[in-house]
Amino acid sequence: KHGLSLGGGIRPIPRLDFFSFVAVMRRSGFLVTDSGGSQEETYY
């Protein structure tokens, strides 16, 4: 809608199920999100 595209080192990936997303988060360095649920996940 806004005519925007991703660039630089940003790589789009499909939305993952909860189990797969947690497996990815456990191996990541950080998360940028606007989800309150994901905020809680990163805390634990």
ModelCIF file with pLDDT and N, C-alpha, C, O atoms, coordinates in Angstrom:
data_MODEL
#
_entry.id   MODEL 
#
_entity.id                         1 
_entity.type                       polymer 
_entity.pdbx_number_of_molecules   1 
#
_entity_poly.entity_id                      1 
_entity_poly.type                           'polypeptide(L)' 
_entity_poly.nstd_linkage                   no 
_entity_poly.nstd_monomer                   no 
_entity_poly.pdbx_seq_one_letter_code       KHGLSLGGGIRPIPRLDFFSFVAVMRRSGFLVTDSGGSQEETYY 
_entity_poly.pdbx_seq_one_letter_code_can   KHGLSLGGGIRPIPRLDFFSFVAVMRRSGFLVTDSGGSQEETYY 
_entity_poly.pdbx_strand_id                 A 
#
loop_
_entity_poly_seq.entity_id 
_entity_poly_seq.num 
_entity_poly_seq.mon_id 
_entity_poly_seq.hetero 
1 1  LYS n 
1 2  HIS n 
1 3  GLY n 
1 4  LEU n 
1 5  SER n 
1 6  LEU n 
1 7  GLY n 
1 8  GLY n 
1 9  GLY n 
1 10 ILE n 
1 11 ARG n 
1 12 PRO n 
1 13 ILE n 
1 14 PRO n 
1 15 ARG n 
1 16 LEU n 
1 17 ASP n 
1 18 PHE n 
1 19 PHE n 
1 20 SER n 
1 21 PHE n 
1 22 VAL n 
1 23 ALA n 
1 24 VAL n 
1 25 MET n 
1 26 ARG n 
1 27 ARG n 
1 28 SER n 
1 29 GLY n 
1 30 PHE n 
1 31 LEU n 
1 32 VAL n 
1 33 THR n 
1 34 ASP n 
1 35 SER n 
1 36 GLY n 
1 37 GLY n 
1 38 SER n 
1 39 GLN n 
1 40 GLU n 
1 41 GLU n 
1 42 THR n 
1 43 TYR n 
1 44 TYR n 
#
_struct_asym.id          A 
_struct_asym.entity_id   1 
#
loop_
_ma_qa_metric.id 
_ma_qa_metric.mode 
_ma_qa_metric.name 
_ma_qa_metric.software_group_id 
_ma_qa_metric.type 
1 global pLDDT . pLDDT 
2 local  pLDDT . pLDDT 
#
_ma_qa_metric_global.metric_id      1 
_ma_qa_metric_global.metric_value   95.50 
_ma_qa_metric_global.model_id       1 
_ma_qa_metric_global.ordinal_id     1 
#
loop_
_ma_qa_metric_local.label_asym_id 
_ma_qa_metric_local.label_comp_id 
_ma_qa_metric_local.label_seq_id 
_ma_qa_metric_local.metric_id 
_ma_qa_metric_local.metric_value 
_ma_qa_metric_local.model_id 
_ma_qa_metric_local.ordinal_id 
A LYS 1  2 94.00 1 1  
A HIS 2  2 97.00 1 2  
A GLY 3  2 97.00 1 3  
A LEU 4  2 97.00 1 4  
A SER 5  2 95.00 1 5  
A LEU 6  2 96.00 1 6  
A GLY 7  2 84.00 1 7  
A GLY 8  2 85.00 1 8  
A GLY 9  2 91.00 1 9  
A ILE 10 2 97.00 1 10 
A ARG 11 2 97.00 1 11 
A PRO 12 2 97.00 1 12 
A ILE 13 2 97.00 1 13 
A PRO 14 2 94.00 1 14 
A ARG 15 2 91.00 1 15 
A LEU 16 2 94.00 1 16 
A ASP 17 2 94.00 1 17 
A PHE 18 2 96.00 1 18 
A PHE 19 2 97.00 1 19 
A SER 20 2 97.00 1 20 
A PHE 21 2 97.00 1 21 
A VAL 22 2 98.00 1 22 
A ALA 23 2 97.00 1 23 
A VAL 24 2 97.00 1 24 
A MET 25 2 97.00 1 25 
A ARG 26 2 97.00 1 26 
A ARG 27 2 96.00 1 27 
A SER 28 2 97.00 1 28 
A GLY 29 2 97.00 1 29 
A PHE 30 2 98.00 1 30 
A LEU 31 2 98.00 1 31 
A VAL 32 2 98.00 1 32 
A THR 33 2 98.00 1 33 
A ASP 34 2 96.00 1 34 
A SER 35 2 93.00 1 35 
A GLY 36 2 92.00 1 36 
A GLY 37 2 92.00 1 37 
A SER 38 2 96.00 1 38 
A GLN 39 2 97.00 1 39 
A GLU 40 2 96.00 1 40 
A GLU 41 2 97.00 1 41 
A THR 42 2 98.00 1 42 
A TYR 43 2 97.00 1 43 
A TYR 44 2 96.00 1 44 
#
loop_
_atom_site.group_PDB 
_atom_site.id 
_atom_site.type_symbol 
_atom_site.label_atom_id 
_atom_site.label_alt_id 
_atom_site.label_comp_id 
_atom_site.label_asym_id 
_atom_site.label_entity_id 
_atom_site.label_seq_id 
_atom_site.pdbx_PDB_ins_code 
_atom_site.Cartn_x 
_atom_site.Cartn_y 
_atom_site.Cartn_z 
_atom_site.occupancy 
_atom_site.B_iso_or_equiv 
_atom_site.pdbx_formal_charge 
_atom_site.auth_seq_id 
_atom_site.auth_comp_id 
_atom_site.auth_asym_id 
_atom_site.auth_atom_id 
_atom_site.pdbx_PDB_model_num 
ATOM 1   N N  . LYS A 1 1  ? 0.830  -1.212  0.000  1.00 94.00 ? 1  LYS A N  1 
ATOM 2   C CA . LYS A 1 1  ? 0.000  0.000   0.000  1.00 94.00 ? 1  LYS A CA 1 
ATOM 3   C C  . LYS A 1 1  ? 0.862  1.259   0.000  1.00 94.00 ? 1  LYS A C  1 
ATOM 4   O O  . LYS A 1 1  ? 0.569  2.220   -0.712 1.00 94.00 ? 1  LYS A O  1 
ATOM 5   N N  . HIS A 1 2  ? 1.934  1.249   0.808  1.00 97.00 ? 2  HIS A N  1 
ATOM 6   C CA . HIS A 1 2  ? 2.783  2.435   0.947  1.00 97.00 ? 2  HIS A CA 1 
ATOM 7   C C  . HIS A 1 2  ? 3.885  2.500   -0.107 1.00 97.00 ? 2  HIS A C  1 
ATOM 8   O O  . HIS A 1 2  ? 4.616  3.488   -0.177 1.00 97.00 ? 2  HIS A O  1 
ATOM 9   N N  . GLY A 1 3  ? 4.010  1.466   -0.919 1.00 97.00 ? 3  GLY A N  1 
ATOM 10  C CA . GLY A 1 3  ? 5.068  1.445   -1.922 1.00 97.00 ? 3  GLY A CA 1 
ATOM 11  C C  . GLY A 1 3  ? 6.451  1.331   -1.319 1.00 97.00 ? 3  GLY A C  1 
ATOM 12  O O  . GLY A 1 3  ? 7.401  1.917   -1.838 1.00 97.00 ? 3  GLY A O  1 
ATOM 13  N N  . LEU A 1 4  ? 6.581  0.583   -0.226 1.00 97.00 ? 4  LEU A N  1 
ATOM 14  C CA . LEU A 1 4  ? 7.861  0.429   0.469  1.00 97.00 ? 4  LEU A CA 1 
ATOM 15  C C  . LEU A 1 4  ? 8.455  -0.943  0.171  1.00 97.00 ? 4  LEU A C  1 
ATOM 16  O O  . LEU A 1 4  ? 7.735  -1.896  -0.129 1.00 97.00 ? 4  LEU A O  1 
ATOM 17  N N  . SER A 1 5  ? 9.769  -1.026  0.258  1.00 95.00 ? 5  SER A N  1 
ATOM 18  C CA . SER A 1 5  ? 10.458 -2.304  0.078  1.00 95.00 ? 5  SER A CA 1 
ATOM 19  C C  . SER A 1 5  ? 11.517 -2.458  1.147  1.00 95.00 ? 5  SER A C  1 
ATOM 20  O O  . SER A 1 5  ? 11.952 -1.479  1.752  1.00 95.00 ? 5  SER A O  1 
ATOM 21  N N  . LEU A 1 6  ? 11.930 -3.695  1.377  1.00 96.00 ? 6  LEU A N  1 
ATOM 22  C CA . LEU A 1 6  ? 12.977 -3.987  2.345  1.00 96.00 ? 6  LEU A CA 1 
ATOM 23  C C  . LEU A 1 6  ? 14.329 -3.874  1.655  1.00 96.00 ? 6  LEU A C  1 
ATOM 24  O O  . LEU A 1 6  ? 14.433 -4.059  0.442  1.00 96.00 ? 6  LEU A O  1 
ATOM 25  N N  . GLY A 1 7  ? 15.351 -3.574  2.422  1.00 84.00 ? 7  GLY A N  1 
ATOM 26  C CA . GLY A 1 7  ? 16.679 -3.438  1.831  1.00 84.00 ? 7  GLY A CA 1 
ATOM 27  C C  . GLY A 1 7  ? 17.753 -3.854  2.792  1.00 84.00 ? 7  GLY A C  1 
ATOM 28  O O  . GLY A 1 7  ? 17.478 -4.408  3.857  1.00 84.00 ? 7  GLY A O  1 
ATOM 29  N N  . GLY A 1 8  ? 18.993 -3.581  2.407  1.00 85.00 ? 8  GLY A N  1 
ATOM 30  C CA . GLY A 1 8  ? 20.121 -3.896  3.272  1.00 85.00 ? 8  GLY A CA 1 
ATOM 31  C C  . GLY A 1 8  ? 20.189 -5.362  3.612  1.00 85.00 ? 8  GLY A C  1 
ATOM 32  O O  . GLY A 1 8  ? 20.060 -6.218  2.737  1.00 85.00 ? 8  GLY A O  1 
ATOM 33  N N  . GLY A 1 9  ? 20.393 -5.658  4.895  1.00 91.00 ? 9  GLY A N  1 
ATOM 34  C CA . GLY A 1 9  ? 20.520 -7.045  5.334  1.00 91.00 ? 9  GLY A CA 1 
ATOM 35  C C  . GLY A 1 9  ? 19.220 -7.661  5.783  1.00 91.00 ? 9  GLY A C  1 
ATOM 36  O O  . GLY A 1 9  ? 19.236 -8.662  6.499  1.00 91.00 ? 9  GLY A O  1 
ATOM 37  N N  . ILE A 1 10 ? 18.075 -7.092  5.384  1.00 97.00 ? 10 ILE A N  1 
ATOM 38  C CA . ILE A 1 10 ? 16.781 -7.618  5.803  1.00 97.00 ? 10 ILE A CA 1 
ATOM 39  C C  . ILE A 1 10 ? 16.355 -8.746  4.865  1.00 97.00 ? 10 ILE A C  1 
ATOM 40  O O  . ILE A 1 10 ? 16.298 -8.572  3.647  1.00 97.00 ? 10 ILE A O  1 
ATOM 41  N N  . ARG A 1 11 ? 16.059 -9.895  5.448  1.00 97.00 ? 11 ARG A N  1 
ATOM 42  C CA . ARG A 1 11 ? 15.631 -11.052 4.659  1.00 97.00 ? 11 ARG A CA 1 
ATOM 43  C C  . ARG A 1 11 ? 14.238 -11.478 5.093  1.00 97.00 ? 11 ARG A C  1 
ATOM 44  O O  . ARG A 1 11 ? 14.060 -11.903 6.235  1.00 97.00 ? 11 ARG A O  1 
ATOM 45  N N  . PRO A 1 12 ? 13.256 -11.377 4.224  1.00 97.00 ? 12 PRO A N  1 
ATOM 46  C CA . PRO A 1 12 ? 11.910 -11.805 4.606  1.00 97.00 ? 12 PRO A CA 1 
ATOM 47  C C  . PRO A 1 12 ? 11.809 -13.318 4.734  1.00 97.00 ? 12 PRO A C  1 
ATOM 48  O O  . PRO A 1 12 ? 12.379 -14.060 3.933  1.00 97.00 ? 12 PRO A O  1 
ATOM 49  N N  . ILE A 1 13 ? 11.073 -13.769 5.756  1.00 97.00 ? 13 ILE A N  1 
ATOM 50  C CA . ILE A 1 13 ? 10.805 -15.193 5.926  1.00 97.00 ? 13 ILE A CA 1 
ATOM 51  C C  . ILE A 1 13 ? 9.313  -15.357 6.206  1.00 97.00 ? 13 ILE A C  1 
ATOM 52  O O  . ILE A 1 13 ? 8.683  -14.423 6.701  1.00 97.00 ? 13 ILE A O  1 
ATOM 53  N N  . PRO A 1 14 ? 8.735  -16.509 5.906  1.00 94.00 ? 14 PRO A N  1 
ATOM 54  C CA . PRO A 1 14 ? 7.305  -16.694 6.159  1.00 94.00 ? 14 PRO A CA 1 
ATOM 55  C C  . PRO A 1 14 ? 7.001  -16.715 7.648  1.00 94.00 ? 14 PRO A C  1 
ATOM 56  O O  . PRO A 1 14 ? 7.865  -17.010 8.474  1.00 94.00 ? 14 PRO A O  1 
ATOM 57  N N  . ARG A 1 15 ? 5.759  -16.397 7.969  1.00 91.00 ? 15 ARG A N  1 
ATOM 58  C CA . ARG A 1 15 ? 5.311  -16.507 9.355  1.00 91.00 ? 15 ARG A CA 1 
ATOM 59  C C  . ARG A 1 15 ? 5.405  -17.963 9.794  1.00 91.00 ? 15 ARG A C  1 
ATOM 60  O O  . ARG A 1 15 ? 4.939  -18.860 9.091  1.00 91.00 ? 15 ARG A O  1 
ATOM 61  N N  . LEU A 1 16 ? 6.009  -18.195 10.960 1.00 94.00 ? 16 LEU A N  1 
ATOM 62  C CA . LEU A 1 16 ? 6.280  -19.550 11.435 1.00 94.00 ? 16 LEU A CA 1 
ATOM 63  C C  . LEU A 1 16 ? 5.285  -19.941 12.520 1.00 94.00 ? 16 LEU A C  1 
ATOM 64  O O  . LEU A 1 16 ? 4.716  -19.083 13.195 1.00 94.00 ? 16 LEU A O  1 
ATOM 65  N N  . ASP A 1 17 ? 5.082  -21.252 12.680 1.00 94.00 ? 17 ASP A N  1 
ATOM 66  C CA . ASP A 1 17 ? 4.286  -21.696 13.825 1.00 94.00 ? 17 ASP A CA 1 
ATOM 67  C C  . ASP A 1 17 ? 5.074  -21.437 15.104 1.00 94.00 ? 17 ASP A C  1 
ATOM 68  O O  . ASP A 1 17 ? 6.281  -21.199 15.063 1.00 94.00 ? 17 ASP A O  1 
ATOM 69  N N  . PHE A 1 18 ? 4.383  -21.483 16.234 1.00 96.00 ? 18 PHE A N  1 
ATOM 70  C CA . PHE A 1 18 ? 4.982  -21.121 17.517 1.00 96.00 ? 18 PHE A CA 1 
ATOM 71  C C  . PHE A 1 18 ? 6.232  -21.939 17.816 1.00 96.00 ? 18 PHE A C  1 
ATOM 72  O O  . PHE A 1 18 ? 7.246  -21.381 18.235 1.00 96.00 ? 18 PHE A O  1 
ATOM 73  N N  . PHE A 1 19 ? 6.179  -23.240 17.610 1.00 97.00 ? 19 PHE A N  1 
ATOM 74  C CA . PHE A 1 19 ? 7.313  -24.100 17.926 1.00 97.00 ? 19 PHE A CA 1 
ATOM 75  C C  . PHE A 1 19 ? 8.524  -23.712 17.074 1.00 97.00 ? 19 PHE A C  1 
ATOM 76  O O  . PHE A 1 19 ? 9.637  -23.613 17.591 1.00 97.00 ? 19 PHE A O  1 
ATOM 77  N N  . SER A 1 20 ? 8.316  -23.493 15.787 1.00 97.00 ? 20 SER A N  1 
ATOM 78  C CA . SER A 1 20 ? 9.424  -23.122 14.901 1.00 97.00 ? 20 SER A CA 1 
ATOM 79  C C  . SER A 1 20 ? 9.965  -21.743 15.239 1.00 97.00 ? 20 SER A C  1 
ATOM 80  O O  . SER A 1 20 ? 11.175 -21.521 15.200 1.00 97.00 ? 20 SER A O  1 
ATOM 81  N N  . PHE A 1 21 ? 9.064  -20.808 15.573 1.00 97.00 ? 21 PHE A N  1 
ATOM 82  C CA . PHE A 1 21 ? 9.510  -19.448 15.891 1.00 97.00 ? 21 PHE A CA 1 
ATOM 83  C C  . PHE A 1 21 ? 10.355 -19.433 17.155 1.00 97.00 ? 21 PHE A C  1 
ATOM 84  O O  . PHE A 1 21 ? 11.355 -18.720 17.226 1.00 97.00 ? 21 PHE A O  1 
ATOM 85  N N  . VAL A 1 22 ? 9.959  -20.214 18.150 1.00 98.00 ? 22 VAL A N  1 
ATOM 86  C CA . VAL A 1 22 ? 10.753 -20.289 19.376 1.00 98.00 ? 22 VAL A CA 1 
ATOM 87  C C  . VAL A 1 22 ? 12.136 -20.872 19.079 1.00 98.00 ? 22 VAL A C  1 
ATOM 88  O O  . VAL A 1 22 ? 13.136 -20.404 19.625 1.00 98.00 ? 22 VAL A O  1 
ATOM 89  N N  . ALA A 1 23 ? 12.196 -21.887 18.220 1.00 97.00 ? 23 ALA A N  1 
ATOM 90  C CA . ALA A 1 23 ? 13.489 -22.472 17.852 1.00 97.00 ? 23 ALA A CA 1 
ATOM 91  C C  . ALA A 1 23 ? 14.393 -21.436 17.192 1.00 97.00 ? 23 ALA A C  1 
ATOM 92  O O  . ALA A 1 23 ? 15.603 -21.438 17.415 1.00 97.00 ? 23 ALA A O  1 
ATOM 93  N N  . VAL A 1 24 ? 13.812 -20.549 16.378 1.00 97.00 ? 24 VAL A N  1 
ATOM 94  C CA . VAL A 1 24 ? 14.594 -19.488 15.745 1.00 97.00 ? 24 VAL A CA 1 
ATOM 95  C C  . VAL A 1 24 ? 15.001 -18.438 16.773 1.00 97.00 ? 24 VAL A C  1 
ATOM 96  O O  . VAL A 1 24 ? 16.149 -17.992 16.775 1.00 97.00 ? 24 VAL A O  1 
ATOM 97  N N  . MET A 1 25 ? 14.078 -18.038 17.646 1.00 97.00 ? 25 MET A N  1 
ATOM 98  C CA . MET A 1 25 ? 14.402 -17.031 18.664 1.00 97.00 ? 25 MET A CA 1 
ATOM 99  C C  . MET A 1 25 ? 15.537 -17.490 19.567 1.00 97.00 ? 25 MET A C  1 
ATOM 100 O O  . MET A 1 25 ? 16.402 -16.692 19.925 1.00 97.00 ? 25 MET A O  1 
ATOM 101 N N  . ARG A 1 26 ? 15.543 -18.762 19.938 1.00 97.00 ? 26 ARG A N  1 
ATOM 102 C CA . ARG A 1 26 ? 16.582 -19.273 20.831 1.00 97.00 ? 26 ARG A CA 1 
ATOM 103 C C  . ARG A 1 26 ? 17.977 -19.147 20.224 1.00 97.00 ? 26 ARG A C  1 
ATOM 104 O O  . ARG A 1 26 ? 18.971 -19.140 20.950 1.00 97.00 ? 26 ARG A O  1 
ATOM 105 N N  . ARG A 1 27 ? 18.055 -19.049 18.911 1.00 96.00 ? 27 ARG A N  1 
ATOM 106 C CA . ARG A 1 27 ? 19.353 -18.955 18.235 1.00 96.00 ? 27 ARG A CA 1 
ATOM 107 C C  . ARG A 1 27 ? 19.674 -17.534 17.768 1.00 96.00 ? 27 ARG A C  1 
ATOM 108 O O  . ARG A 1 27 ? 20.734 -17.288 17.191 1.00 96.00 ? 27 ARG A O  1 
ATOM 109 N N  . SER A 1 28 ? 18.753 -16.604 18.021 1.00 97.00 ? 28 SER A N  1 
ATOM 110 C CA . SER A 1 28 ? 18.942 -15.232 17.558 1.00 97.00 ? 28 SER A CA 1 
ATOM 111 C C  . SER A 1 28 ? 19.648 -14.383 18.604 1.00 97.00 ? 28 SER A C  1 
ATOM 112 O O  . SER A 1 28 ? 19.845 -14.802 19.744 1.00 97.00 ? 28 SER A O  1 
ATOM 113 N N  . GLY A 1 29 ? 20.030 -13.161 18.179 1.00 97.00 ? 29 GLY A N  1 
ATOM 114 C CA . GLY A 1 29 ? 20.691 -12.249 19.097 1.00 97.00 ? 29 GLY A CA 1 
ATOM 115 C C  . GLY A 1 29 ? 19.763 -11.239 19.722 1.00 97.00 ? 29 GLY A C  1 
ATOM 116 O O  . GLY A 1 29 ? 20.040 -10.731 20.808 1.00 97.00 ? 29 GLY A O  1 
ATOM 117 N N  . PHE A 1 30 ? 18.645 -10.934 19.042 1.00 98.00 ? 30 PHE A N  1 
ATOM 118 C CA . PHE A 1 30 ? 17.701 -9.948  19.565 1.00 98.00 ? 30 PHE A CA 1 
ATOM 119 C C  . PHE A 1 30 ? 16.429 -9.993  18.734 1.00 98.00 ? 30 PHE A C  1 
ATOM 120 O O  . PHE A 1 30 ? 16.377 -10.599 17.664 1.00 98.00 ? 30 PHE A O  1 
ATOM 121 N N  . LEU A 1 31 ? 15.393 -9.325  19.267 1.00 98.00 ? 31 LEU A N  1 
ATOM 122 C CA . LEU A 1 31 ? 14.104 -9.242  18.591 1.00 98.00 ? 31 LEU A CA 1 
ATOM 123 C C  . LEU A 1 31 ? 13.612 -7.803  18.628 1.00 98.00 ? 31 LEU A C  1 
ATOM 124 O O  . LEU A 1 31 ? 13.675 -7.143  19.664 1.00 98.00 ? 31 LEU A O  1 
ATOM 125 N N  . VAL A 1 32 ? 13.120 -7.322  17.486 1.00 98.00 ? 32 VAL A N  1 
ATOM 126 C CA . VAL A 1 32 ? 12.416 -6.045  17.392 1.00 98.00 ? 32 VAL A CA 1 
ATOM 127 C C  . VAL A 1 32 ? 10.976 -6.376  17.046 1.00 98.00 ? 32 VAL A C  1 
ATOM 128 O O  . VAL A 1 32 ? 10.717 -7.005  16.020 1.00 98.00 ? 32 VAL A O  1 
ATOM 129 N N  . THR A 1 33 ? 10.037 -5.963  17.884 1.00 98.00 ? 33 THR A N  1 
ATOM 130 C CA . THR A 1 33 ? 8.659  -6.405  17.715 1.00 98.00 ? 33 THR A CA 1 
ATOM 131 C C  . THR A 1 33 ? 7.688  -5.350  18.211 1.00 98.00 ? 33 THR A C  1 
ATOM 132 O O  . THR A 1 33 ? 8.063  -4.465  18.979 1.00 98.00 ? 33 THR A O  1 
ATOM 133 N N  . ASP A 1 34 ? 6.428  -5.443  17.769 1.00 96.00 ? 34 ASP A N  1 
ATOM 134 C CA . ASP A 1 34 ? 5.370  -4.631  18.361 1.00 96.00 ? 34 ASP A CA 1 
ATOM 135 C C  . ASP A 1 34 ? 4.334  -5.532  19.028 1.00 96.00 ? 34 ASP A C  1 
ATOM 136 O O  . ASP A 1 34 ? 3.202  -5.112  19.269 1.00 96.00 ? 34 ASP A O  1 
ATOM 137 N N  . SER A 1 35 ? 4.719  -6.759  19.322 1.00 93.00 ? 35 SER A N  1 
ATOM 138 C CA . SER A 1 35 ? 3.834  -7.741  19.941 1.00 93.00 ? 35 SER A CA 1 
ATOM 139 C C  . SER A 1 35 ? 4.089  -7.830  21.440 1.00 93.00 ? 35 SER A C  1 
ATOM 140 O O  . SER A 1 35 ? 5.216  -8.066  21.874 1.00 93.00 ? 35 SER A O  1 
ATOM 141 N N  . GLY A 1 36 ? 3.036  -7.639  22.223 1.00 92.00 ? 36 GLY A N  1 
ATOM 142 C CA . GLY A 1 36 ? 3.172  -7.814  23.665 1.00 92.00 ? 36 GLY A CA 1 
ATOM 143 C C  . GLY A 1 36 ? 3.475  -9.252  24.036 1.00 92.00 ? 36 GLY A C  1 
ATOM 144 O O  . GLY A 1 36 ? 4.227  -9.506  24.977 1.00 92.00 ? 36 GLY A O  1 
ATOM 145 N N  . GLY A 1 37 ? 2.890  -10.205 23.298 1.00 92.00 ? 37 GLY A N  1 
ATOM 146 C CA . GLY A 1 37 ? 3.176  -11.612 23.556 1.00 92.00 ? 37 GLY A CA 1 
ATOM 147 C C  . GLY A 1 37 ? 4.637  -11.945 23.325 1.00 92.00 ? 37 GLY A C  1 
ATOM 148 O O  . GLY A 1 37 ? 5.232  -12.697 24.097 1.00 92.00 ? 37 GLY A O  1 
ATOM 149 N N  . SER A 1 38 ? 5.223  -11.390 22.265 1.00 96.00 ? 38 SER A N  1 
ATOM 150 C CA . SER A 1 38 ? 6.644  -11.637 22.000 1.00 96.00 ? 38 SER A CA 1 
ATOM 151 C C  . SER A 1 38 ? 7.524  -10.969 23.053 1.00 96.00 ? 38 SER A C  1 
ATOM 152 O O  . SER A 1 38 ? 8.590  -11.483 23.393 1.00 96.00 ? 38 SER A O  1 
ATOM 153 N N  . GLN A 1 39 ? 7.074  -9.814  23.573 1.00 97.00 ? 39 GLN A N  1 
ATOM 154 C CA . GLN A 1 39 ? 7.797  -9.186  24.686 1.00 97.00 ? 39 GLN A CA 1 
ATOM 155 C C  . GLN A 1 39 ? 7.914  -10.162 25.850 1.00 97.00 ? 39 GLN A C  1 
ATOM 156 O O  . GLN A 1 39 ? 8.988  -10.318 26.430 1.00 97.00 ? 39 GLN A O  1 
ATOM 157 N N  . GLU A 1 40 ? 6.811  -10.816 26.188 1.00 96.00 ? 40 GLU A N  1 
ATOM 158 C CA . GLU A 1 40 ? 6.820  -11.775 27.288 1.00 96.00 ? 40 GLU A CA 1 
ATOM 159 C C  . GLU A 1 40 ? 7.729  -12.961 26.970 1.00 96.00 ? 40 GLU A C  1 
ATOM 160 O O  . GLU A 1 40 ? 8.480  -13.418 27.831 1.00 96.00 ? 40 GLU A O  1 
ATOM 161 N N  . GLU A 1 41 ? 7.662  -13.450 25.753 1.00 97.00 ? 41 GLU A N  1 
ATOM 162 C CA . GLU A 1 41 ? 8.502  -14.597 25.374 1.00 97.00 ? 41 GLU A CA 1 
ATOM 163 C C  . GLU A 1 41 ? 9.971  -14.273 25.552 1.00 97.00 ? 41 GLU A C  1 
ATOM 164 O O  . GLU A 1 41 ? 10.729 -15.086 26.081 1.00 97.00 ? 41 GLU A O  1 
ATOM 165 N N  . THR A 1 42 ? 10.388 -13.068 25.107 1.00 98.00 ? 42 THR A N  1 
ATOM 166 C CA . THR A 1 42 ? 11.805 -12.715 25.221 1.00 98.00 ? 42 THR A CA 1 
ATOM 167 C C  . THR A 1 42 ? 12.229 -12.590 26.680 1.00 98.00 ? 42 THR A C  1 
ATOM 168 O O  . THR A 1 42 ? 13.381 -12.870 27.014 1.00 98.00 ? 42 THR A O  1 
ATOM 169 N N  . TYR A 1 43 ? 11.310 -12.171 27.557 1.00 97.00 ? 43 TYR A N  1 
ATOM 170 C CA . TYR A 1 43 ? 11.651 -12.072 28.972 1.00 97.00 ? 43 TYR A CA 1 
ATOM 171 C C  . TYR A 1 43 ? 11.995 -13.443 29.532 1.00 97.00 ? 43 TYR A C  1 
ATOM 172 O O  . TYR A 1 43 ? 13.016 -13.603 30.200 1.00 97.00 ? 43 TYR A O  1 
ATOM 173 N N  . TYR A 1 44 ? 11.155 -14.429 29.264 1.00 96.00 ? 44 TYR A N  1 
ATOM 174 C CA . TYR A 1 44 ? 11.408 -15.771 29.808 1.00 96.00 ? 44 TYR A CA 1 
ATOM 175 C C  . TYR A 1 44 ? 12.560 -16.471 29.099 1.00 96.00 ? 44 TYR A C  1 
ATOM 176 O O  . TYR A 1 44 ? 12.896 -17.606 29.439 1.00 96.00 ? 44 TYR A O  1 
#
